[in-house]
C-alpha atoms as a PDB file:
ATOM      1  CA  MET A   1       7.656  -4.934  13.860  1.00  0.00           C
ATOM      2  CA  PRO A   2       9.674  -2.395  12.138  1.00  0.00           C
ATOM      3  CA  THR A   3       7.960  -1.378   8.870  1.00  0.00           C
ATOM      4  CA  ARG A   4       8.974   1.044   6.290  1.00  0.00           C
ATOM      5  CA  LEU A   5       5.923   2.882   3.605  1.00  0.00           C
ATOM      6  CA  LEU A   6       7.458   3.172   0.334  1.00  0.00           C
ATOM      7  CA  TYR A   7       5.883   5.230  -2.682  1.00  0.00           C
ATOM      8  CA  GLU A   8       7.315   6.261  -5.855  1.00  0.00           C
ATOM      9  CA  PRO A   9       5.426   8.656  -8.112  1.00  0.00           C
ATOM     10  CA  ARG A  10       6.820   6.373 -11.302  1.00  0.00           C
ATOM     11  CA  ASP A  11       4.580   3.827  -9.969  1.00  0.00           C
ATOM     12  CA  PRO A  12       1.760   5.890  -9.132  1.00  0.00           C
ATOM     13  CA  TYR A  13      -0.997   3.327  -8.397  1.00  0.00           C
ATOM     14  CA  ALA A  14       1.122   1.082  -6.005  1.00  0.00           C
ATOM     15  CA  VAL A  15       2.255   1.577  -2.490  1.00  0.00           C
ATOM     16  CA  HIS A  16       5.070  -0.750  -0.888  1.00  0.00           C
ATOM     17  CA  ILE A  17       5.264  -2.050   2.578  1.00  0.00           C
ATOM     18  CA  VAL A  18       8.212  -3.631   3.713  1.00  0.00           C
ATOM     19  CA  PHE A  19       8.113  -5.509   6.982  1.00  0.00           C
ATOM     20  CA  TYR A  20      11.482  -6.037   8.632  1.00  0.00           C
ATOM     21  CA  ALA A  21      10.392  -9.421  10.506  1.00  0.00           C
ATOM     22  CA  ASP A  22      12.495 -12.079  12.012  1.00  0.00           C
ATOM     23  CA  THR A  23      13.756 -13.352   8.812  1.00  0.00           C
ATOM     24  CA  ASP A  24      16.724 -13.009   6.659  1.00  0.00           C
ATOM     25  CA  GLU A  25      15.160 -10.617   4.159  1.00  0.00           C
ATOM     26  CA  PRO A  26      12.649  -7.982   4.586  1.00  0.00           C
ATOM     27  CA  VAL A  27       9.091  -9.068   3.663  1.00  0.00           C
ATOM     28  CA  ALA A  28       7.689  -6.584   0.988  1.00  0.00           C
ATOM     29  CA  TRP A  29       3.814  -6.363  -0.108  1.00  0.00           C
ATOM     30  CA  VAL A  30       2.402  -4.198  -2.839  1.00  0.00           C
ATOM     31  CA  PHE A  31      -1.021  -2.530  -2.117  1.00  0.00           C
ATOM     32  CA  ASP A  32      -3.127  -0.530  -4.429  1.00  0.00           C
ATOM     33  CA  ARG A  33      -2.849   2.956  -2.984  1.00  0.00           C
ATOM     34  CA  ASP A  34      -6.513   3.907  -3.404  1.00  0.00           C
ATOM     35  CA  LEU A  35      -7.382   0.404  -1.588  1.00  0.00           C
ATOM     36  CA  LEU A  36      -5.343   1.159   1.567  1.00  0.00           C
ATOM     37  CA  ALA A  37      -6.823   4.852   1.589  1.00  0.00           C
ATOM     38  CA  GLN A  38      -9.883   3.205   1.547  1.00  0.00           C
ATOM     39  CA  GLY A  39      -9.035   1.204   4.608  1.00  0.00           C
ATOM     40  CA  ILE A  40      -8.183   3.965   6.596  1.00  0.00           C
ATOM     41  CA  LEU A  41     -12.370   4.889   6.667  1.00  0.00           C
ATOM     42  CA  ARG A  42     -13.738   1.501   6.510  1.00  0.00           C
ATOM     43  CA  PRO A  43     -12.954  -1.972   6.280  1.00  0.00           C
ATOM     44  CA  SER A  44     -11.661  -2.869   3.028  1.00  0.00           C
ATOM     45  CA  GLY A  45     -10.019  -5.564   0.685  1.00  0.00           C
ATOM     46  CA  GLU A  46     -11.225  -9.237  -0.261  1.00  0.00           C
ATOM     47  CA  GLY A  47      -8.870 -12.152  -0.486  1.00  0.00           C
ATOM     48  CA  ASP A  48      -5.045 -11.561   0.199  1.00  0.00           C
ATOM     49  CA  VAL A  49      -5.109  -8.622   2.136  1.00  0.00           C
ATOM     50  CA  ARG A  50      -7.969  -7.047   4.248  1.00  0.00           C
ATOM     51  CA  HIS A  51      -7.552  -3.751   6.618  1.00  0.00           C
ATOM     52  CA  TRP A  52      -9.845  -1.733   8.376  1.00  0.00           C
ATOM     53  CA  PRO A  53      -9.808   1.297  11.209  1.00  0.00           C
ATOM     54  CA  THR A  54     -10.455   0.366  14.542  1.00  0.00           C
ATOM     55  CA  HIS A  55     -11.949   4.047  15.597  1.00  0.00           C
ATOM     56  CA  THR A  56     -11.147   7.788  14.631  1.00  0.00           C
ATOM     57  CA  ARG A  57      -9.960   8.938  18.313  1.00  0.00           C
ATOM     58  CA  PRO A  58      -6.129  10.068  18.487  1.00  0.00           C
ATOM     59  CA  ASP A  59      -4.870   6.665  19.210  1.00  0.00           C
ATOM     60  CA  ALA A  60      -6.781   5.132  16.577  1.00  0.00           C
ATOM     61  CA  VAL A  61      -5.177   1.940  14.635  1.00  0.00           C
ATOM     62  CA  LEU A  62      -5.292   0.779  11.356  1.00  0.00           C
ATOM     63  CA  SER A  63      -5.457  -3.117  11.269  1.00  0.00           C
ATOM     64  CA  LEU A  64      -3.958  -5.079   8.531  1.00  0.00           C
ATOM     65  CA  VAL A  65      -4.623  -8.983   7.860  1.00  0.00           C
ATOM     66  CA  LEU A  66      -2.114 -10.630   5.531  1.00  0.00           C
ATOM     67  CA  PRO A  67      -2.465 -14.308   4.290  1.00  0.00           C
ATOM     68  CA  PRO A  68       0.037 -16.939   4.630  1.00  0.00           C
ATOM     69  CA  PRO A  69       2.687 -18.139   2.384  1.00  0.00           C
ATOM     70  CA  HIS A  70       3.724 -19.488   5.710  1.00  0.00           C
ATOM     71  CA  ARG A  71       1.501 -17.895   8.445  1.00  0.00           C
ATOM     72  CA  ALA A  72      -1.009 -15.152   8.743  1.00  0.00           C
ATOM     73  CA  ALA A  73      -0.097 -12.012  10.092  1.00  0.00           C
ATOM     74  CA  HIS A  74      -2.611  -9.316  11.964  1.00  0.00           C
ATOM     75  CA  LEU A  75      -0.533  -6.028  12.369  1.00  0.00           C
ATOM     76  CA  THR A  76      -1.726  -2.575  13.484  1.00  0.00           C
ATOM     77  CA  ALA A  77      -0.283   0.763  12.625  1.00  0.00           C
ATOM     78  CA  SER A  78      -1.173   4.039  13.927  1.00  0.00           C
ATOM     79  CA  LEU A  79      -3.825   5.265  11.834  1.00  0.00           C
ATOM     80  CA  SER A  80      -3.060   9.028  12.014  1.00  0.00           C
ATOM     81  CA  VAL A  81       0.526   8.011  10.616  1.00  0.00           C
ATOM     82  CA  VAL A  82      -0.566   5.962   7.798  1.00  0.00           C
ATOM     83  CA  THR A  83      -3.359   8.661   7.100  1.00  0.00           C
ATOM     84  CA  HIS A  84      -0.759  11.559   7.135  1.00  0.00           C
ATOM     85  CA  TRP A  85       1.765   9.244   4.806  1.00  0.00           C
ATOM     86  CA  LEU A  86      -1.084   8.457   2.325  1.00  0.00           C
ATOM     87  CA  GLU A  87      -2.059  12.276   2.008  1.00  0.00           C
ATOM     88  CA  ARG A  88       1.655  13.094   1.121  1.00  0.00           C
ATOM     89  CA  THR A  89       1.397  10.710  -1.815  1.00  0.00           C
ATOM     90  CA  TYR A  90      -1.705  12.365  -3.177  1.00  0.00           C
ATOM     91  CA  HIS A  91       0.032  15.757  -3.011  1.00  0.00           C
ATOM     92  CA  LEU A  92       2.815  14.123  -5.552  1.00  0.00           C
ATOM     93  CA  VAL A  93       0.386  12.340  -7.447  1.00  0.00           C
ATOM     94  CA  PRO A  94      -3.291  13.235  -6.931  1.00  0.00           C
ATOM     95  CA  SER A  95      -5.846  10.798  -7.352  1.00  0.00           C
ATOM     96  CA  GLY A  96      -7.061  10.719 -10.944  1.00  0.00           C
ATOM     97  CA  ARG A  97      -3.561  12.035 -12.099  1.00  0.00           C
ATOM     98  CA  GLU A  98      -1.685   8.793 -12.013  1.00  0.00           C
ATOM     99  CA  GLY A  99      -1.646   8.137 -15.557  1.00  0.00           C
ATOM    100  CA  ASP A 100      -0.666  11.326 -16.624  1.00  0.00           C
ATOM    101  CA  GLY A 101       3.414  10.655 -16.574  1.00  0.00           C
ATOM    102  CA  MET A 102       2.920   7.331 -18.087  1.00  0.00           C
ATOM    103  CA  ASP A 103       3.678   6.232 -21.458  1.00  0.00           C
ATOM    104  CA  LEU A 104       0.994   3.520 -21.952  1.00  0.00           C
ATOM    105  CA  ASN A 105       2.530   2.264 -25.166  1.00  0.00           C
ATOM    106  CA  ALA A 106       5.903   1.607 -23.901  1.00  0.00           C
ATOM    107  CA  GLU A 107       4.096  -0.487 -20.818  1.00  0.00           C
ATOM    108  CA  LEU A 108       2.192  -2.116 -23.056  1.00  0.00           C
ATOM    109  CA  SER A 109       5.251  -3.203 -25.125  1.00  0.00           C
ATOM    110  CA  ARG A 110       7.129  -3.832 -21.932  1.00  0.00           C
ATOM    111  CA  LEU A 111       4.118  -6.315 -20.412  1.00  0.00           C
ATOM    112  CA  LEU A 112       3.389  -8.091 -24.124  1.00  0.00           C
ATOM    113  CA  HIS A 113       6.965  -8.268 -25.205  1.00  0.00           C
ATOM    114  CA  GLY A 114       9.474  -8.159 -22.315  1.00  0.00           C
ATOM    115  CA  THR A 115      10.913  -4.488 -23.801  1.00  0.00           C
ATOM    116  CA  ALA A 116      10.697  -1.141 -22.715  1.00  0.00           C
END
């Protein structure tokens, strides 16, 4: 299934995965970046999303299980491709520096009052 990985430094904690399934509209999922990074090393996630690496050889895959609203999906992706992509996101915004560019007061105001 064609898939697109997206990362926006202005939303530094999240990664977006867009699946172009046999539907009218693409299906988008938002993941915690650090949780996805954990999943390339060991089984991770509970509840909604679970993912794990199969092994560490060059042909290794990352398995990803998504729950239904309509039906569950078990997807696989090249572990090396996902790992390389995640490394690039950490070059853009290093781990631990995600909050550096955020105005927490404006974010709290937006969340609490619906304004920016």
